Structures are given as C-alpha cells and as structure tokens.
Amino acid sequence: MAPYYEFSLRADNTSVQTVDIGGRPGTKLVRRPYGYTPDKATRICVYIVEGLSLRAIAKKPGMPTKATILHWLADNESFRIQYERATKMRTLARVEQVDQVVQDMVDGKIDWRVARVEIDAIKWQCGREKPKRYGDQVPRVAQTAVTFVKQLVGVAEDDL
C-alpha cells in the first residue's frame, strides 16, 4: 500500500497535512500543521542555532515538514532573514564547539584521533556555511605571482 497524503484547508486559511508513513496496517496518521506562524518560525530558528538540520527539525512533534519550511523560506521575507541570521549563529556555535572537543580530548574523554575527525568535520561545515571567513584560503603570494606573470606577459606582447 502506498503512503497516504492528504491536504485540507481550515477556515483560518491554514492547511493540515496528514501523512500515513509507509502505509502499514495499524499505523497512526501523523497530522502536521502547515500554516506559517511567527512562533513556529522562531522555534525552527532556535533549533537551527542548536545545530539541528531541517530533516531533524521536521521529525520533531508539531513541526512542519522540510518541504514546508523550504516553501516558507521562498515565500516569507521575514522568515528568510531570521533563518539566515540563525544559520550564521549556528556557524559561530560550531566554532565554539571546537573548544569543547579540545577540552574533552585534554580531559581524556575522547581519543585524539576522534577529536581530529570531529574538528575537521566542524571546520568543513563552517567553511561551507561561511566560506569567506572559514573556507580554504588561497595564499596571497600565489595571487601576486599570477598577477606579476600576467603583467610580464602583457609587457612582452607589447614589446613585440
């Protein structure tokens, strides 16, 4: 049996999504609120700052699906601004998490190899979220050398 999906519109102009996960007999229907509210948007942003993904947030009771959150981002300017601010704060929280990993390693709670993997993962995530600040940096010496070579080639072509 295929999964069951139902969308219905309430009188207050919000809709409810009813989902039967997997279509197994005896499975309860899960009702998810679909309508945007500022309170729900704030809770989503708090979860994001805490480091949860949209997939993890959607699994929490009373939270909309990932697709719904993405629709809200596309349709609602104030939520988009709030979401962008939350993702920036999440990056800062991840940077702070490096200190905790180092302290756990020093205290002997985790092995140095595990700490290294965790720190590398955090650095990678931060580099993707804020590439200008935490991304891989191109050495300025290489950029200067390329500019210098271009200038030399330009001078040589002009002399010919």
Foldseek 3Di string as FASTA:
>chain_A
DDKDWDWDADPVGWIKIWIQPPPDPPGDIAIETLDDDPVLLVVVLVVVLVPDDQCVQCPDHRHPHSVSLVVCCVVPPVSVVSNLVSNVNSLVVLVVVLVVLVVCCVVVVDPPVVSVVSVVVSLVVSCVSPVVVRNDDDDVVVVVVVVVVVVVVVVVVVVD
